[in-house]
């Protein structure tokens, strides 16, 4: 993984000193809250319902074991013993005192971490898939270009005060596991017949109040023009994006207003002025960053491990976990492992205790190469595990409460913190997630149902990505009460789709029964091993609506 150089260290430590001064001036009253607001936001500090929340950046979701231990230390000493992994591959601490923030940031800087630009109207954390560099279906490793984008966008003065927040994601695998099409800029990396690295550029994606999937703006862009082309897009957005209405300030609104062809012409015209300038990448610069992503010292292992095969045959629980919580690795004899943070009612989705963080660091060092990844589904990935060690890893993960075999299943719920913490939320997310998890606690039934993504957001900001869940739940305010709107048919990946509302909203008490009705309808109409989202696309919404609302009328 990437190691800071002298410039990174200087920048992060100077930013800590700067923010320490700003916090002292806020506490003394020299800075008003209005003056302090943009300063704290660009250092990842929010004022929530009960306390300050600090969002820490995990660039493209990659962590070293020592960094995970630092996060555990922060959770233990500055928070209430836990942290929350987000859909942006970051971590949030929900119970932070303002006076302690500079010390926390200094502690983070010591392990090459920070909270810079995890909020504010700027380029946010650059994301890619959690299996980058190891997935068997990967065409090339996207992390060097993700890191180059991170360095370029960090405290870039031209783009620190954009009309609205800006999110960039990269994908370089056959399957899009980075939800590229819901980003302001999405980049698909691939090679042409001659082996040249090229980019397919997508723009104008985003969820929130007006969900829109991105559209292609450029095909076959040579990788050397990555920064200049992204810069051209940002310049056009910075120039024309609305600043009079924050609900209409995202680039998706600008692209929709202009039309993709007109927007593309604006970008191309801007790009012609800068494409051969200092932003053009060189092989030397690419290699400087790529050299930091050194392949671990993999052993020469057989593809088939007899001990692993025996364990699969003899232990059904282990076999079930392997079937859901692993992904094929590009190196023979290795496998990538997903450790679920969704144990059901025992903990909210994405929440991990300090003890579990330390356990994760231990597992990464004992069984891997001291590296972990945070997936945008809020789970934790150990990217390089020998198949021969998988059974022992499973046992150790189970002891830490991190071995629920539900990745990709209905109870692998993606959820924001919702109204329990967030000042913007219209409704709670966590109790809804846990009520659903409690209702569907039969693992055999869940495995029979197969892949179903369920996403929950407490408000229209869509931090839980409810629009692209096979089943999406949105908290809404209805005359001062908490209600929940349900969508079905959403999906992520290269065939992304936005879910469609099935009808009037439901009360919190009704939601588990509603989900049960949707699942039963799927089971009734499913063909062979068809997935939930495929059944929805084939038969439409009506059978689901009829079942759910008839059931609610009967229960009423």
Protein backbone atom coordinates (compact mmCIF):
# COMPACT_ATOMS: atom_id res chain seq x y z
CA UNK A 1 0.00 0.00 0.00
CA UNK A 2 1.03 3.63 -0.46
CA UNK A 3 3.51 5.09 2.05
CA UNK A 4 3.67 8.83 2.72
CA UNK A 5 6.63 10.74 1.35
CA UNK A 6 8.08 13.92 2.88
CA UNK A 7 5.48 16.11 1.16
CA UNK A 8 2.58 14.05 2.51
CA UNK A 9 3.98 14.17 6.02
CA UNK A 10 4.57 17.93 5.88
CA UNK A 11 1.11 18.67 4.48
CA UNK A 12 -0.78 16.57 7.01
CA UNK A 13 1.16 17.76 10.04
CA UNK A 14 0.87 21.40 8.98
CA UNK A 15 -2.87 20.94 8.51
CA UNK A 16 -3.14 19.55 12.06
CA UNK A 17 -1.31 22.58 13.45
CA UNK A 18 -3.52 24.91 11.43
CA UNK A 19 -6.72 23.28 12.65
CA UNK A 20 -5.49 23.23 16.26
CA UNK A 21 -5.21 27.00 16.05
CA UNK A 22 -8.68 27.27 14.49
CA UNK A 23 -10.23 25.12 17.24
CA UNK A 24 -8.56 27.22 19.94
CA UNK A 25 -9.93 30.38 18.35
CA UNK A 26 -13.42 28.86 18.15
CA UNK A 27 -13.35 27.83 21.81
CA UNK A 28 -12.14 31.28 22.86
CA UNK A 29 -14.92 32.92 20.87
CA UNK A 30 -12.57 34.62 18.42
CA UNK A 31 -14.23 32.61 15.63
CA UNK A 32 -18.01 32.42 15.43
CA UNK A 33 -19.73 29.15 14.55
CA UNK A 34 -20.55 30.59 11.13
CA UNK A 35 -16.86 31.37 10.53
CA UNK A 36 -15.74 28.03 11.95
CA UNK A 37 -18.23 25.94 9.93
CA UNK A 38 -16.34 25.74 6.59
CA UNK A 39 -13.04 25.22 8.41
CA UNK A 40 -14.26 22.26 10.44
CA UNK A 41 -16.11 20.69 7.52
CA UNK A 42 -12.99 20.53 5.38
CA UNK A 43 -11.35 18.74 8.29
CA UNK A 44 -14.14 16.18 8.46
CA UNK A 45 -15.84 17.56 11.57
CA UNK A 46 -19.65 17.68 11.72
CA UNK A 47 -21.90 18.90 14.51
CA UNK A 48 -24.53 16.20 14.92
CA UNK A 49 -27.51 15.77 17.25
CA UNK A 50 -25.60 14.84 20.37
CA UNK A 51 -21.94 15.63 19.74
CA UNK A 52 -19.36 16.33 17.07
CA UNK A 53 -18.79 13.57 14.51
CA UNK A 54 -15.33 13.14 12.97
CA UNK A 55 -15.06 11.43 9.59
CA UNK A 56 -11.61 9.98 8.89
CA UNK A 57 -10.43 9.36 5.34
CA UNK A 58 -9.48 5.86 4.24
CA UNK A 59 -8.23 6.51 0.68
CA UNK A 60 -9.66 3.92 -1.72
CA UNK A 61 -10.55 1.88 1.37
CA UNK A 62 -7.02 0.64 2.14
CA UNK A 63 -5.67 0.33 5.70
CA UNK A 64 -2.56 -1.10 7.30
CA UNK A 65 -2.94 -3.12 10.50
CA UNK A 66 -1.15 -0.37 12.45
CA UNK A 67 -3.67 2.16 11.15
CA UNK A 68 -6.58 -0.04 12.20
CA UNK A 69 -5.05 -0.17 15.68
CA UNK A 70 -4.85 3.62 15.71
CA UNK A 71 -8.56 3.77 14.88
CA UNK A 72 -9.22 1.35 17.72
CA UNK A 73 -7.27 3.60 20.06
CA UNK A 74 -9.33 6.63 19.00
CA UNK A 75 -12.57 4.69 19.50
CA UNK A 76 -11.45 3.60 22.95
CA UNK A 77 -10.06 6.88 24.26
CA UNK A 78 -11.99 9.61 22.45
CA UNK A 79 -15.32 8.00 21.52
CA UNK A 80 -17.60 5.42 23.12
CA UNK A 81 -15.64 2.36 22.12
CA UNK A 82 -16.66 1.96 18.48
CA UNK A 83 -16.55 3.48 15.00
CA UNK A 84 -18.83 3.34 11.97
CA UNK A 85 -17.58 2.35 8.51
CA UNK A 86 -19.36 4.30 5.78
CA UNK A 87 -20.41 3.72 2.17
CA UNK A 88 -17.56 6.06 1.15
CA UNK A 89 -14.96 3.64 2.60
CA UNK A 90 -14.33 6.02 5.50
CA UNK A 91 -14.86 5.70 9.25
CA UNK A 92 -16.90 7.99 11.48
CA UNK A 93 -16.65 8.59 15.21
CA UNK A 94 -19.95 9.88 16.58
CA UNK A 95 -19.13 11.09 20.11
CA UNK A 96 -16.21 13.50 19.76
CA UNK A 97 -15.46 16.55 21.92
CA UNK A 98 -14.25 19.62 20.04
CA UNK A 99 -11.28 20.19 22.37
CA UNK A 100 -9.93 16.72 21.56
CA UNK A 101 -10.10 16.90 17.77
CA UNK A 102 -6.58 18.33 17.21
CA UNK A 103 -5.09 15.55 19.37
CA UNK A 104 -7.03 12.94 17.39
CA UNK A 105 -5.82 14.41 14.09
CA UNK A 106 -2.26 14.43 15.38
CA UNK A 107 -2.61 10.79 16.38
CA UNK A 108 -3.89 10.01 12.88
CA UNK A 109 -1.00 11.90 11.25
CA UNK A 110 1.48 9.71 13.12
CA UNK A 111 0.11 6.67 11.24
CA UNK A 112 -0.26 8.46 7.88
CA UNK A 113 -3.97 9.22 8.11
CA UNK A 114 -6.09 12.36 8.15
CA UNK A 115 -9.63 13.76 7.84
CA UNK A 116 -8.91 16.32 5.14
CA UNK A 117 -11.75 16.85 2.64
CA UNK A 118 -14.02 14.18 4.08
CA UNK A 119 -16.66 16.90 4.03
CA UNK A 120 -17.20 20.30 2.45
CA UNK A 121 -17.77 21.38 -1.14
CA UNK A 122 -14.61 19.83 -2.49
CA UNK A 123 -13.32 16.60 -4.01
CA UNK A 124 -14.04 13.91 -1.42
CA UNK A 125 -12.32 10.59 -0.70
CA UNK A 126 -11.30 8.82 -3.93
CA UNK A 127 -12.85 5.35 -3.96
CA UNK A 128 -12.42 2.08 -5.79
CA UNK A 129 -13.37 -1.50 -5.05
CA UNK A 130 -12.19 -3.23 -1.89
CA UNK A 131 -10.58 -6.05 -3.94
CA UNK A 132 -8.35 -3.77 -6.00
CA UNK A 133 -5.05 -5.43 -6.87
CA UNK A 134 -6.18 -8.96 -6.01
CA UNK A 135 -9.50 -9.80 -7.72
CA UNK A 136 -9.30 -12.59 -10.28
CA UNK A 137 -11.43 -10.61 -12.76
CA UNK A 138 -9.30 -7.47 -12.49
CA UNK A 139 -7.85 -6.07 -15.72
CA UNK A 140 -5.26 -3.93 -13.93
CA UNK A 141 -4.69 -2.43 -10.49
CA UNK A 142 -6.58 0.91 -10.20
CA UNK A 143 -4.91 2.01 -6.96
CA UNK A 144 -1.94 3.90 -8.44
CA UNK A 145 -4.27 6.15 -10.44
CA UNK A 146 -6.57 6.48 -7.43
CA UNK A 147 -3.58 7.61 -5.37
CA UNK A 148 -2.50 10.07 -8.06
CA UNK A 149 -6.01 11.55 -7.99
CA UNK A 150 -5.86 11.74 -4.20
CA UNK A 151 -2.59 13.64 -4.24
CA UNK A 152 -3.76 15.98 -6.99
CA UNK A 153 -7.10 16.79 -5.36
CA UNK A 154 -5.89 17.22 -1.77
CA UNK A 155 -5.96 20.94 -0.92
CA UNK A 156 -6.00 21.83 -4.61
CA UNK A 157 -6.90 25.53 -4.24
CA UNK A 158 -8.89 25.71 -7.47
CA UNK A 159 -11.35 23.06 -6.29
CA UNK A 160 -11.73 23.67 -2.56
CA UNK A 161 -14.92 25.72 -2.96
CA UNK A 162 -16.96 23.91 -5.57
CA UNK A 163 -20.70 24.47 -5.90
CA UNK A 164 -21.22 21.21 -4.00
CA UNK A 165 -19.39 18.07 -2.84
CA UNK A 166 -17.72 16.01 -5.55
CA UNK A 167 -17.10 12.26 -5.61
CA UNK A 168 -14.84 10.20 -7.90
CA UNK A 169 -14.64 6.41 -8.22
CA UNK A 170 -12.54 4.03 -10.34
CA UNK A 171 -13.13 0.47 -11.51
CA UNK A 172 -10.69 -1.80 -13.35
CA UNK A 173 -12.39 -5.19 -13.15
CA UNK A 174 -14.91 -7.07 -15.28
CA UNK A 175 -17.48 -6.60 -12.51
CA UNK A 176 -18.05 -3.09 -11.17
CA UNK A 177 -17.87 -3.41 -7.38
CA UNK A 178 -17.24 0.31 -6.87
CA UNK A 179 -20.70 1.63 -7.84
CA UNK A 180 -19.02 3.84 -10.43
CA UNK A 181 -22.23 5.04 -12.08
CA UNK A 182 -23.51 6.84 -8.97
CA UNK A 183 -20.51 9.18 -8.81
CA UNK A 184 -19.94 12.71 -10.10
CA UNK A 185 -17.07 11.29 -12.14
CA UNK A 186 -16.70 7.57 -12.72
CA UNK A 187 -13.68 6.04 -14.42
CA UNK A 188 -13.56 2.60 -16.00
CA UNK A 189 -9.97 1.48 -16.65
CA UNK A 190 -9.16 -1.02 -19.38
CA UNK A 191 -6.54 -1.95 -21.97
CA UNK A 192 -6.91 -1.91 -25.74
CA UNK A 193 -5.76 -4.66 -28.11
CA UNK A 194 -2.23 -3.24 -28.04
CA UNK A 195 -2.13 -3.27 -24.24
CA UNK A 196 -2.42 0.51 -23.80
CA UNK A 197 -4.12 1.70 -20.61
CA UNK A 198 -7.27 3.68 -21.43
CA UNK A 199 -10.11 5.32 -19.52
CA UNK A 200 -13.85 5.44 -20.10
CA UNK A 201 -15.09 8.61 -18.41
CA UNK A 202 -18.59 8.84 -16.94
CA UNK A 203 -20.07 12.06 -15.51
CA UNK A 204 -23.18 13.34 -13.79
CA UNK A 205 -24.03 10.49 -11.45
CA UNK A 206 -25.32 10.94 -7.94
CA UNK A 207 -28.11 9.88 -5.62
CA UNK A 208 -29.71 12.17 -3.05
CA UNK A 209 -32.85 14.19 -3.77
CA UNK A 210 -32.55 13.71 -7.55
CA UNK A 211 -31.01 10.29 -8.26
CA UNK A 212 -29.28 10.08 -11.63
CA UNK A 213 -26.88 7.52 -13.08
CA UNK A 214 -23.80 8.85 -14.86
CA UNK A 215 -23.42 8.97 -18.62
CA UNK A 216 -20.39 8.35 -20.77
CA UNK A 217 -18.60 11.50 -21.85
CA UNK A 218 -15.34 10.09 -23.20
CA UNK A 219 -14.14 6.73 -24.46
CA UNK A 220 -10.54 5.56 -24.95
CA UNK A 221 -8.92 8.43 -23.07
CA UNK A 222 -5.17 7.73 -22.74
CA UNK A 223 -4.25 7.38 -19.06
CA UNK A 224 -1.71 10.20 -19.32
CA UNK A 225 -4.64 12.64 -19.57
CA UNK A 226 -6.40 11.47 -16.41
CA UNK A 227 -5.72 14.61 -14.38
CA UNK A 228 -6.16 17.11 -17.19
CA UNK A 229 -9.50 15.63 -18.24
CA UNK A 230 -10.82 15.47 -14.66
CA UNK A 231 -9.60 19.04 -14.25
CA UNK A 232 -11.51 20.10 -17.37
CA UNK A 233 -14.70 18.52 -16.02
CA UNK A 234 -14.26 20.24 -12.66
CA UNK A 235 -13.56 23.60 -14.29
CA UNK A 236 -16.74 23.44 -16.33
CA UNK A 237 -18.68 22.45 -13.23
CA UNK A 238 -17.03 25.16 -11.14
CA UNK A 239 -17.88 27.75 -13.77
CA UNK A 240 -21.47 26.78 -14.51
CA UNK A 241 -22.69 24.84 -11.47
CA UNK A 242 -25.38 26.53 -9.42
CA UNK A 243 -24.50 28.14 -6.12
CA UNK A 244 -27.90 29.70 -5.40
CA UNK A 245 -29.60 26.43 -4.45
CA UNK A 246 -27.71 23.60 -2.76
CA UNK A 247 -30.34 21.09 -3.88
CA UNK A 248 -29.55 21.92 -7.50
CA UNK A 249 -25.81 22.40 -7.14
CA UNK A 250 -24.47 18.92 -7.94
CA UNK A 251 -22.89 18.29 -11.33
CA UNK A 252 -25.71 15.87 -12.21
CA UNK A 253 -28.12 18.83 -12.32
CA UNK A 254 -25.80 20.79 -14.60
CA UNK A 255 -25.36 17.82 -16.95
CA UNK A 256 -29.10 17.27 -17.04
CA UNK A 257 -29.78 20.97 -17.71
CA UNK A 258 -27.22 21.28 -20.52
CA UNK A 259 -27.60 17.78 -21.92
CA UNK A 260 -24.72 15.34 -22.12
CA UNK A 261 -23.67 16.42 -25.63
CA UNK A 262 -23.46 20.11 -24.74
CA UNK A 263 -21.67 19.35 -21.50
CA UNK A 264 -19.19 17.17 -23.38
CA UNK A 265 -18.48 19.98 -25.83
CA UNK A 266 -17.76 22.36 -22.94
CA UNK A 267 -15.38 19.87 -21.37
CA UNK A 268 -13.58 19.11 -24.63
CA UNK A 269 -13.11 22.82 -25.32
CA UNK A 270 -11.68 23.36 -21.84
CA UNK A 271 -9.50 20.29 -22.12
CA UNK A 272 -7.90 21.47 -25.37
CA UNK A 273 -6.33 24.37 -23.42
CA UNK A 274 -4.73 22.21 -20.73
CA UNK A 275 -4.30 18.65 -22.02
CA UNK A 276 -0.63 19.05 -22.93
CA UNK A 277 0.23 21.14 -19.87
CA UNK A 278 1.78 20.26 -16.50
CA UNK A 279 -1.19 18.07 -15.55
CA UNK A 280 -0.26 15.51 -18.22
CA UNK A 281 1.01 12.40 -16.48
CA UNK A 282 4.33 10.83 -17.35
CA UNK A 283 5.39 7.21 -17.06
CA UNK A 284 7.93 8.33 -14.48
CA UNK A 285 5.24 9.90 -12.27
CA UNK A 286 2.97 6.89 -12.64
CA UNK A 287 5.82 4.57 -11.71
CA UNK A 288 6.73 6.68 -8.69
CA UNK A 289 3.31 6.02 -7.23
CA UNK A 290 2.87 2.48 -8.60
CA UNK A 291 6.14 1.41 -6.96
CA UNK A 292 4.47 1.96 -3.59
CA UNK A 293 1.95 -0.77 -4.40
CA UNK A 294 4.41 -3.62 -4.26
CA UNK A 295 2.90 -7.07 -4.55
CA UNK A 296 3.14 -8.97 -1.26
CA UNK A 297 5.63 -11.85 -1.04
CA UNK A 298 3.17 -14.46 -2.25
CA UNK A 299 4.24 -18.10 -1.94
CA UNK A 300 4.12 -20.46 -4.90
CA UNK A 301 1.07 -22.47 -3.86
CA UNK A 302 -1.03 -25.07 -5.66
CA UNK A 303 -4.43 -23.89 -6.86
CA UNK A 304 -6.06 -26.81 -5.04
CA UNK A 305 -5.34 -27.14 -1.32
CA UNK A 306 -6.31 -30.58 -0.02
CA UNK A 307 -6.71 -29.43 3.58
CA UNK A 308 -9.01 -26.62 2.50
CA UNK A 309 -11.07 -29.05 0.44
CA UNK A 310 -11.36 -31.45 3.35
CA UNK A 311 -12.52 -28.67 5.70
CA UNK A 312 -15.18 -27.65 3.17
CA UNK A 313 -16.44 -31.21 2.92
CA UNK A 314 -16.49 -31.86 6.66
CA UNK A 315 -17.89 -28.60 8.04
CA UNK A 316 -21.12 -27.29 6.52
CA UNK A 317 -21.01 -23.99 8.44
CA UNK A 318 -17.51 -23.27 7.18
CA UNK A 319 -18.53 -24.18 3.63
CA UNK A 320 -21.51 -21.82 3.83
CA UNK A 321 -19.28 -18.97 5.04
CA UNK A 322 -16.78 -19.60 2.24
CA UNK A 323 -19.56 -19.61 -0.35
CA UNK A 324 -20.74 -16.12 0.67
CA UNK A 325 -17.75 -14.36 2.22
CA UNK A 326 -14.86 -14.95 -0.18
CA UNK A 327 -13.84 -13.83 -3.66
CA UNK A 328 -11.50 -15.51 -6.13
CA UNK A 329 -7.90 -14.25 -6.02
CA UNK A 330 -5.62 -13.68 -9.00
CA UNK A 331 -2.76 -15.60 -7.32
CA UNK A 332 -3.13 -19.41 -7.10
CA UNK A 333 -3.59 -20.74 -3.57
CA UNK A 334 -4.92 -17.43 -2.19
CA UNK A 335 -8.39 -16.03 -1.64
CA UNK A 336 -9.90 -12.68 -0.58
CA UNK A 337 -12.12 -12.73 2.50
CA UNK A 338 -15.00 -10.47 3.53
CA UNK A 339 -15.60 -10.11 7.26
CA UNK A 340 -19.19 -9.07 7.87
CA UNK A 341 -19.99 -6.14 10.17
CA UNK A 342 -23.67 -7.15 10.05
CA UNK A 343 -24.24 -9.66 12.89
CA UNK A 344 -27.93 -8.80 13.16
CA UNK A 345 -29.44 -7.14 16.21
CA UNK A 346 -26.12 -7.42 18.08
CA UNK A 347 -24.77 -4.27 16.38
CA UNK A 348 -25.84 -1.65 13.81
CA UNK A 349 -24.62 -2.20 10.23
CA UNK A 350 -21.09 -0.89 9.77
CA UNK A 351 -20.36 -0.47 13.48
CA UNK A 352 -17.15 -2.08 14.75
CA UNK A 353 -15.94 -1.96 18.35
CA UNK A 354 -12.42 -1.05 19.40
CA UNK A 355 -11.88 -4.66 20.43
CA UNK A 356 -12.99 -5.83 16.98
CA UNK A 357 -10.70 -3.31 15.28
CA UNK A 358 -7.76 -4.70 17.22
CA UNK A 359 -8.90 -8.21 16.34
CA UNK A 360 -9.06 -7.22 12.65
CA UNK A 361 -5.49 -5.91 12.84
CA UNK A 362 -4.40 -9.16 14.48
CA UNK A 363 -6.10 -11.24 11.76
CA UNK A 364 -4.49 -9.17 9.01
CA UNK A 365 -1.04 -9.72 10.50
CA UNK A 366 -1.51 -13.37 11.45
CA UNK A 367 -3.09 -14.58 8.22
CA UNK A 368 -2.33 -11.92 5.61
CA UNK A 369 0.20 -9.21 4.86
CA UNK A 370 -0.99 -6.69 7.49
CA UNK A 371 -3.40 -5.03 5.08
CA UNK A 372 -7.17 -4.52 5.24
CA UNK A 373 -9.78 -2.94 3.00
CA UNK A 374 -13.08 -1.22 3.75
CA UNK A 375 -15.82 -2.05 1.25
CA UNK A 376 -18.51 0.47 0.34
CA UNK A 377 -20.98 -2.15 1.64
CA UNK A 378 -19.47 -1.31 5.08
CA UNK A 379 -17.75 -4.68 5.51
CA UNK A 380 -14.02 -5.36 5.99
CA UNK A 381 -11.88 -7.26 3.50
CA UNK A 382 -8.70 -9.24 4.11
CA UNK A 383 -7.31 -9.28 0.57
CA UNK A 384 -4.59 -11.96 0.70
CA UNK A 385 -5.39 -15.13 2.64
CA UNK A 386 -3.86 -18.53 1.92
CA UNK A 387 -6.56 -21.13 1.31
CA UNK A 388 -4.68 -23.39 3.71
CA UNK A 389 -5.24 -20.81 6.49
CA UNK A 390 -8.89 -20.11 5.75
CA UNK A 391 -10.39 -22.52 8.28
CA UNK A 392 -8.27 -21.11 11.12
CA UNK A 393 -9.12 -17.57 10.04
CA UNK A 394 -12.83 -18.40 10.06
CA UNK A 395 -12.61 -19.71 13.61
CA UNK A 396 -10.71 -16.64 14.81
CA UNK A 397 -13.11 -14.26 13.03
CA UNK A 398 -16.08 -16.05 14.62
CA UNK A 399 -14.59 -15.48 18.08
CA UNK A 400 -14.47 -11.74 17.28
CA UNK A 401 -18.08 -11.69 16.02
CA UNK A 402 -16.98 -11.02 12.43
CA UNK A 403 -17.88 -14.27 10.67
CA UNK A 404 -21.58 -13.92 9.87
CA UNK A 405 -22.02 -15.77 6.53
CA UNK A 406 -24.38 -13.22 5.01
CA UNK A 407 -22.39 -11.16 2.51
CA UNK A 408 -24.71 -10.21 -0.34
CA UNK A 409 -27.77 -11.60 1.43
CA UNK A 410 -30.82 -9.76 2.72
CA UNK A 411 -29.33 -9.17 6.19
CA UNK A 412 -26.12 -7.68 4.78
CA UNK A 413 -27.93 -4.37 5.22
CA UNK A 414 -26.28 -1.13 4.12
CA UNK A 415 -27.44 1.72 6.35
CA UNK A 416 -26.50 5.23 7.38
CA UNK A 417 -26.52 6.18 11.11
CA UNK A 418 -29.90 7.86 10.53
CA UNK A 419 -31.93 9.80 13.05
CA UNK A 420 -30.17 8.28 16.05
CA UNK A 421 -27.21 10.52 15.29
CA UNK A 422 -27.56 12.63 12.15
CA UNK A 423 -29.07 16.11 12.40
CA UNK A 424 -30.20 15.90 8.77
CA UNK A 425 -32.13 12.63 9.05
CA UNK A 426 -35.91 12.49 8.84
CA UNK A 427 -36.09 9.03 10.42
CA UNK A 428 -34.06 6.37 12.16
CA UNK A 429 -32.18 3.77 10.11
CA UNK A 430 -30.58 1.52 12.73
CA UNK A 431 -33.78 0.21 14.38
CA UNK A 432 -35.25 -0.55 10.95
CA UNK A 433 -32.14 -2.49 9.91
CA UNK A 434 -32.13 -4.47 13.13
CA UNK A 435 -35.86 -5.23 12.93
CA UNK A 436 -35.35 -6.66 9.44
CA UNK A 437 -32.30 -8.63 10.55
CA UNK A 438 -34.25 -10.04 13.49
CA UNK A 439 -37.16 -11.03 11.23
CA UNK A 440 -34.87 -12.81 8.79
CA UNK A 441 -32.54 -14.68 11.12
CA UNK A 442 -32.85 -18.08 9.37
CA UNK A 443 -29.59 -18.46 7.46
CA UNK A 444 -30.85 -21.45 5.50
CA UNK A 445 -33.76 -19.38 4.19
CA UNK A 446 -31.49 -16.44 3.37
CA UNK A 447 -29.09 -18.64 1.43
CA UNK A 448 -32.01 -20.14 -0.50
CA UNK A 449 -33.12 -16.63 -1.48
CA UNK A 450 -29.63 -15.75 -2.71
CA UNK A 451 -28.38 -12.27 -3.57
CA UNK A 452 -30.64 -9.45 -2.36
CA UNK A 453 -29.20 -6.05 -1.47
CA UNK A 454 -31.17 -3.96 1.02
CA UNK A 455 -30.16 -0.36 1.60
CA UNK A 456 -31.54 2.13 4.12
CA UNK A 457 -31.17 5.93 4.20
CA UNK A 458 -32.56 8.15 6.94
CA UNK A 459 -33.11 11.07 4.56
CA UNK A 460 -32.95 12.16 0.92
CA UNK A 461 -29.18 12.66 1.10
CA UNK A 462 -29.03 8.90 0.46
CA UNK A 463 -25.90 8.08 2.46
CA UNK A 464 -27.23 4.52 2.61
CA UNK A 465 -27.48 4.38 -1.21
CA UNK A 466 -31.11 3.24 -1.01
CA UNK A 467 -31.73 4.12 -4.67
CA UNK A 468 -29.44 1.32 -5.90
CA UNK A 469 -30.50 -1.35 -3.42
CA UNK A 470 -32.53 -4.23 -4.83
CA UNK A 471 -34.79 -3.15 -1.98
CA UNK A 472 -34.40 0.45 -0.87
CA UNK A 473 -35.85 2.08 2.25
CA UNK A 474 -35.98 5.86 2.66
CA UNK A 475 -36.91 7.59 5.90
CA UNK A 476 -39.41 10.44 5.35
CA UNK A 477 -41.12 12.93 7.61
CA UNK A 478 -44.91 12.74 7.56
CA UNK A 479 -46.57 15.35 9.76
CA UNK A 480 -43.79 15.07 12.30
CA UNK A 481 -43.78 11.26 12.31
CA UNK A 482 -41.21 8.85 10.92
CA UNK A 483 -42.35 6.90 7.85
CA UNK A 484 -40.53 4.83 5.26
CA UNK A 485 -40.81 4.81 1.48
CA UNK A 486 -39.86 1.54 -0.24
CA UNK A 487 -38.33 1.06 -3.68
CA UNK A 488 -37.46 -2.13 -5.52
CA UNK A 489 -35.43 -2.96 -8.62
CA UNK A 490 -32.34 -0.90 -7.92
CA UNK A 491 -28.89 -2.34 -8.61
CA UNK A 492 -25.27 -1.33 -8.82
CA UNK A 493 -22.50 -2.31 -11.19
CA UNK A 494 -22.21 -1.99 -14.95
CA UNK A 495 -25.95 -2.65 -15.24
CA UNK A 496 -26.87 -0.11 -12.56
CA UNK A 497 -30.52 0.81 -12.11
CA UNK A 498 -32.48 3.10 -9.82
CA UNK A 499 -35.21 1.52 -7.74
CA UNK A 500 -38.85 2.47 -8.25
CA UNK A 501 -41.25 3.47 -5.47
CA UNK A 502 -43.89 0.80 -4.89
CA UNK A 503 -46.48 3.12 -3.30
CA UNK A 504 -47.35 5.06 -0.13
CA UNK A 505 -44.94 5.04 2.80
CA UNK A 506 -45.10 2.63 5.74
CA UNK A 507 -44.69 3.03 9.48
CA UNK A 508 -41.61 1.61 11.19
CA UNK A 509 -43.68 -1.21 12.67
CA UNK A 510 -44.88 -2.27 9.20
CA UNK A 511 -41.47 -2.49 7.52
CA UNK A 512 -40.46 -6.06 8.51
CA UNK A 513 -43.83 -7.33 7.26
CA UNK A 514 -43.41 -5.32 4.04
CA UNK A 515 -40.01 -6.86 3.38
CA UNK A 516 -41.48 -10.28 4.10
CA UNK A 517 -44.18 -9.62 1.50
CA UNK A 518 -41.62 -8.58 -1.11
CA UNK A 519 -39.50 -11.65 -0.45
CA UNK A 520 -42.49 -14.00 -0.58
CA UNK A 521 -43.58 -12.52 -3.90
CA UNK A 522 -40.08 -13.08 -5.23
CA UNK A 523 -40.15 -16.69 -4.03
CA UNK A 524 -43.53 -17.25 -5.73
CA UNK A 525 -42.49 -15.84 -9.12
CA UNK A 526 -38.81 -16.76 -9.21
CA UNK A 527 -37.57 -18.90 -12.08
CA UNK A 528 -34.76 -21.40 -11.35
CA UNK A 529 -31.91 -19.54 -9.58
CA UNK A 530 -33.08 -16.11 -10.68
CA UNK A 531 -31.96 -13.17 -8.52
CA UNK A 532 -34.45 -10.85 -6.84
CA UNK A 533 -33.56 -7.91 -9.09
CA UNK A 534 -33.95 -10.06 -12.21
CA UNK A 535 -37.40 -11.18 -11.13
CA UNK A 536 -38.43 -7.55 -10.55
CA UNK A 537 -37.21 -6.59 -14.01
CA UNK A 538 -39.06 -9.52 -15.59
CA UNK A 539 -42.48 -9.24 -13.92
CA UNK A 540 -42.57 -5.56 -12.95
CA UNK A 541 -43.74 -3.88 -9.75
CA UNK A 542 -47.42 -4.81 -9.73
CA UNK A 543 -47.22 -8.31 -8.19
CA UNK A 544 -45.03 -6.96 -5.40
CA UNK A 545 -47.31 -3.98 -4.76
CA UNK A 546 -50.41 -6.15 -4.74
CA UNK A 547 -48.93 -8.57 -2.22
CA UNK A 548 -47.53 -5.92 0.12
CA UNK A 549 -50.52 -3.56 0.25
CA UNK A 550 -53.10 -6.38 0.40
CA UNK A 551 -51.17 -7.82 3.31
CA UNK A 552 -51.14 -4.45 5.07
CA UNK A 553 -54.91 -4.08 4.60
CA UNK A 554 -55.51 -7.55 6.05
CA UNK A 555 -53.30 -6.79 9.04
CA UNK A 556 -55.06 -3.46 9.57
